[in-house]
Amino acid sequence: MSRQPTFGTTKSGQPVHANSRDHLADVLKFSPRAIRQAVGEVTGFNAKFAVIITSGVGTMACAYLFGLIALASLPVILVEAGAVPSAWVPSFLQKPGLILIVSWIAQTFLQLVLLSVIMVGQRVQSAASDARAEKSFQDTEIIMDRLDVSTKGGLSDVLEAIHHLGAQPGTAFGGAGSGASVPERPTPPQG
């Protein structure tokens, strides 16, 4: 069970935690819904296929499957090394065909094919993440620009309205005996 998010959630409902380890439970489990969402964020067959493989291989279910494949050849290795008697190992596990298949899957398919597909999937996911980060940065720049007192349309307009009200007699900011003072408007830097 995941802990409560430290910093709430994003607009899309993703939890925002202070530590990466708090995301482990969500990342390691096999989630078809999360894979569908990730596939929906990319276009093109190759990108979608790479994201599916990357998302599926990066789960504990896949790690267990790969562990079972690797352990399938262990009994024969132990018999050949003389660590266990041949009678202790079922005959179907001692067949050379099984050892060849496990060897091909582990050495050829997983290393040569799956590795490159995973790398492509990571590049696709990284590009999507970079685009989201760039958009967040641009949004932050817009907000900071609007908060700048020297920018037209931001706090500058609010301060002008306050000064305009302060100049009118009988308002909360102006007139005799109101006791309120309007802060001086900062002058924009020259240059």
Protein backbone atom coordinates (compact mmCIF):
# COMPACT_ATOMS: atom_id res chain seq x y z
CA MET A 1 0.00 0.00 0.00
CA SER A 2 1.38 3.40 -0.98
CA ARG A 3 1.83 6.14 1.56
CA GLN A 4 -0.10 9.37 1.35
CA PRO A 5 1.52 11.75 -1.14
CA THR A 6 3.78 14.32 0.52
CA PHE A 7 2.88 17.09 -1.91
CA GLY A 8 -0.63 16.03 -2.99
CA THR A 9 -1.38 14.87 -6.53
CA THR A 10 -0.98 16.20 -10.05
CA LYS A 11 -3.93 17.17 -12.26
CA SER A 12 -3.83 13.67 -13.75
CA GLY A 13 -4.05 12.11 -10.26
CA GLN A 14 -0.40 11.01 -9.95
CA PRO A 15 0.90 11.19 -6.35
CA VAL A 16 3.81 13.53 -5.66
CA HIS A 17 6.12 12.09 -3.00
CA ALA A 18 9.22 13.56 -1.39
CA ASN A 19 11.25 10.35 -1.88
CA SER A 20 11.66 8.12 -4.93
CA ARG A 21 11.28 4.99 -2.82
CA ASP A 22 7.63 5.95 -2.20
CA HIS A 23 6.96 5.33 -5.90
CA LEU A 24 8.42 1.79 -5.87
CA ALA A 25 5.14 -0.01 -5.15
CA ASP A 26 3.41 1.70 -8.06
CA VAL A 27 6.27 1.25 -10.53
CA LEU A 28 7.12 -2.40 -9.87
CA LYS A 29 3.64 -3.87 -10.16
CA PHE A 30 2.18 -4.95 -13.49
CA SER A 31 -0.57 -2.46 -14.34
CA PRO A 32 -2.32 -2.77 -17.72
CA ARG A 33 -4.07 0.57 -17.05
CA ALA A 34 -0.73 2.35 -16.61
CA ILE A 35 0.63 0.69 -19.76
CA ARG A 36 -2.45 1.80 -21.76
CA GLN A 37 -1.99 5.34 -20.45
CA ALA A 38 1.71 5.35 -21.42
CA VAL A 39 0.90 3.99 -24.89
CA GLY A 40 -1.72 6.70 -25.34
CA GLU A 41 0.92 9.38 -24.82
CA VAL A 42 2.98 8.34 -27.88
CA THR A 43 2.25 8.00 -31.58
CA GLY A 44 3.43 5.48 -34.13
CA PHE A 45 3.67 1.70 -34.02
CA ASN A 46 7.36 1.53 -33.08
CA ALA A 47 7.00 3.99 -30.20
CA LYS A 48 3.88 2.24 -28.87
CA PHE A 49 5.53 -1.19 -29.12
CA ALA A 50 8.66 0.05 -27.35
CA VAL A 51 6.62 1.64 -24.54
CA ILE A 52 4.61 -1.59 -24.08
CA ILE A 53 7.79 -3.69 -23.84
CA THR A 54 9.56 -1.19 -21.56
CA SER A 55 6.55 -0.90 -19.25
CA GLY A 56 6.02 -4.67 -19.14
CA VAL A 57 9.64 -5.67 -18.64
CA GLY A 58 10.08 -3.15 -15.83
CA THR A 59 7.76 -5.07 -13.47
CA MET A 60 8.35 -7.66 -10.77
CA ALA A 61 6.11 -10.12 -12.66
CA CYS A 62 8.58 -10.05 -15.56
CA ALA A 63 11.52 -10.36 -13.17
CA TYR A 64 9.94 -13.50 -11.68
CA LEU A 65 9.35 -14.90 -15.20
CA PHE A 66 12.98 -14.28 -16.20
CA GLY A 67 14.11 -15.84 -12.92
CA LEU A 68 12.10 -18.99 -13.67
CA ILE A 69 13.56 -19.19 -17.17
CA ALA A 70 17.07 -18.91 -15.75
CA LEU A 71 16.38 -21.51 -13.04
CA ALA A 72 15.07 -24.01 -15.62
CA SER A 73 18.62 -24.89 -16.62
CA LEU A 74 20.06 -24.91 -13.08
CA PRO A 75 19.27 -28.59 -12.28
CA VAL A 76 21.25 -29.87 -15.28
CA ILE A 77 24.18 -27.62 -14.39
CA LEU A 78 24.14 -29.02 -10.84
CA VAL A 79 24.04 -32.62 -12.17
CA GLU A 80 26.91 -31.96 -14.59
CA ALA A 81 28.95 -30.35 -11.82
CA GLY A 82 28.35 -33.37 -9.62
CA ALA A 83 26.59 -31.33 -6.93
CA VAL A 84 23.42 -33.45 -7.07
CA PRO A 85 22.75 -36.97 -8.33
CA SER A 86 20.99 -37.35 -11.66
CA ALA A 87 18.14 -39.25 -10.01
CA TRP A 88 17.11 -36.14 -8.06
CA VAL A 89 16.36 -34.13 -11.22
CA PRO A 90 13.31 -34.93 -13.40
CA SER A 91 14.26 -36.27 -16.82
CA PHE A 92 12.44 -33.52 -18.77
CA LEU A 93 14.73 -30.91 -17.13
CA GLN A 94 17.81 -32.85 -18.28
CA LYS A 95 16.99 -32.76 -22.00
CA PRO A 96 19.52 -30.88 -24.13
CA GLY A 97 16.71 -29.15 -26.05
CA LEU A 98 15.50 -27.37 -22.92
CA ILE A 99 19.00 -26.17 -22.11
CA LEU A 100 19.44 -24.86 -25.67
CA ILE A 101 16.12 -23.02 -25.58
CA VAL A 102 16.89 -21.41 -22.20
CA SER A 103 20.36 -20.49 -23.45
CA TRP A 104 18.96 -18.93 -26.64
CA ILE A 105 16.31 -16.94 -24.75
CA ALA A 106 18.75 -15.67 -22.14
CA GLN A 107 21.76 -14.98 -24.33
CA THR A 108 20.30 -14.08 -27.70
CA PHE A 109 16.77 -12.79 -27.41
CA LEU A 110 16.94 -10.97 -24.07
CA GLN A 111 20.35 -9.44 -24.62
CA LEU A 112 20.23 -8.56 -28.31
CA VAL A 113 16.58 -7.84 -28.99
CA LEU A 114 14.95 -6.86 -25.73
CA LEU A 115 17.76 -4.55 -24.64
CA SER A 116 17.48 -2.34 -27.74
CA VAL A 117 13.68 -2.23 -27.53
CA ILE A 118 13.88 -1.19 -23.87
CA MET A 119 16.34 1.55 -24.74
CA VAL A 120 13.99 2.91 -27.42
CA GLY A 121 11.08 2.80 -24.96
CA GLN A 122 13.11 4.71 -22.39
CA ARG A 123 14.01 7.35 -24.97
CA VAL A 124 10.33 7.75 -25.91
CA GLN A 125 9.29 8.03 -22.26
CA SER A 126 12.15 10.44 -21.58
CA ALA A 127 11.11 12.68 -24.49
CA ALA A 128 7.54 12.78 -23.16
CA SER A 129 8.83 13.61 -19.67
CA ASP A 130 11.09 16.34 -21.05
CA ALA A 131 8.15 17.87 -22.92
CA ARG A 132 6.05 17.92 -19.72
CA ALA A 133 8.93 19.49 -17.78
CA GLU A 134 9.43 22.15 -20.48
CA LYS A 135 5.71 22.98 -20.41
CA SER A 136 5.80 23.27 -16.61
CA PHE A 137 8.81 25.58 -16.85
CA GLN A 138 7.07 27.76 -19.44
CA ASP A 139 3.96 27.96 -17.25
CA THR A 140 6.13 28.95 -14.28
CA GLU A 141 7.82 31.66 -16.36
CA ILE A 142 4.41 33.06 -17.34
CA ILE A 143 3.28 33.13 -13.72
CA MET A 144 6.51 34.78 -12.55
CA ASP A 145 6.26 37.31 -15.39
CA ARG A 146 2.73 38.20 -14.34
CA LEU A 147 3.84 38.60 -10.73
CA ASP A 148 6.62 40.99 -11.73
CA VAL A 149 5.72 44.58 -10.75
CA SER A 150 7.33 46.01 -13.86
CA THR A 151 5.35 43.88 -16.33
CA LYS A 152 2.25 45.34 -17.92
CA GLY A 153 -0.77 43.13 -17.23
CA GLY A 154 0.53 41.65 -13.98
CA LEU A 155 0.95 43.20 -10.56
CA SER A 156 1.68 46.46 -12.32
CA ASP A 157 -2.01 46.86 -13.18
CA VAL A 158 -3.08 45.96 -9.64
CA LEU A 159 -0.71 48.53 -8.14
CA GLU A 160 -1.93 51.20 -10.61
CA ALA A 161 -5.53 50.50 -9.57
CA ILE A 162 -4.59 50.81 -5.89
CA HIS A 163 -2.76 54.09 -6.54
CA HIS A 164 -5.71 55.35 -8.55
CA LEU A 165 -8.04 54.55 -5.66
CA GLY A 166 -5.64 56.17 -3.22
CA ALA A 167 -5.68 59.40 -5.19
CA GLN A 168 -9.48 59.73 -4.95
CA PRO A 169 -10.86 61.51 -1.88
CA GLY A 170 -13.38 59.58 0.20
CA THR A 171 -11.99 56.15 -0.56
CA ALA A 172 -10.41 53.79 1.93
CA PHE A 173 -6.96 54.76 0.65
CA GLY A 174 -7.43 58.46 0.17
CA GLY A 175 -9.07 61.50 1.59
CA ALA A 176 -8.54 63.35 4.81
CA GLY A 177 -8.27 61.42 8.02
CA SER A 178 -8.41 57.95 6.50
CA GLY A 179 -5.17 57.03 8.19
CA ALA A 180 -4.37 54.56 5.39
CA SER A 181 -1.36 54.99 3.21
CA VAL A 182 -0.69 53.58 -0.22
CA PRO A 183 2.70 51.98 -0.63
CA GLU A 184 5.03 53.66 -3.05
CA ARG A 185 5.02 52.11 -6.49
CA PRO A 186 8.39 50.57 -7.28
CA THR A 187 10.07 51.99 -10.33
CA PRO A 188 11.08 49.49 -12.99
CA PRO A 189 14.81 49.07 -13.45
CA GLN A 190 16.31 51.05 -16.26
CA GLY A 191 18.46 49.29 -18.77
